[in-house]
Amino acid sequence: MLNRLEDRTAIVTGAASGIGRAIALKFAQHGARVVVADILDTPKEGGKSTEQIITDAGGKAIKMQCDISNWDDIDAVVTRTVADWGKLDIIVNNAAHWTTTTLTATTNEQWREVMAVNSDGYFMCCKRSVKQMLTQPVVGGARGRIVNITSQHGMIGAPNDIAYGTGK
């Protein structure tokens, strides 16, 4: 397999399960060192952790507890990534939160929880990553790459999750 991400370091938020897990595994298959940043330790789907699958296959990965609605968690993940692997080439903002409630059933607390992750969290992850990337030399025309995962529900609202659609 072509190692398109050889010598690259990537943080993937929400990488313990689902889409984030698939992204982290694919990045590792292409040679990236992967930081699995998630509030979960085990995948929702069950089985081995994302970190374990990567390391069992000979790849490099570390798991870090990270709630992207918390600046200190984000700062710790970026700081450790650079301390361990010297740089941050890619961050994939994938973590998300939802309520499965209609507009009238969504509480103010639920709204804030979703926005804290899906909106504020993406902003803080981008801000902290850019602060790091600006200190790095240009490689391949850039100092780093940011990928923000969104959803079709950002354009076509889900009838039972107004907060998620708005946050996306």
Foldseek 3Di string as FASTA:
>chain_A
DALPQALAEEEEEPCFEDPNVVVQLVNQVSHYAYEYEYQDQHYPVDDDGSQVVSVVVVGHYDYAYADLLDLVRLLVSQVVSCVPRNAHAEYELDDFDWDQAAPVPDDPVRLCSRCSRLPVSLVSNVVSNVVRLVVADDDPNGSHYYHYDADPLCVVPDRRTNSNNVSD
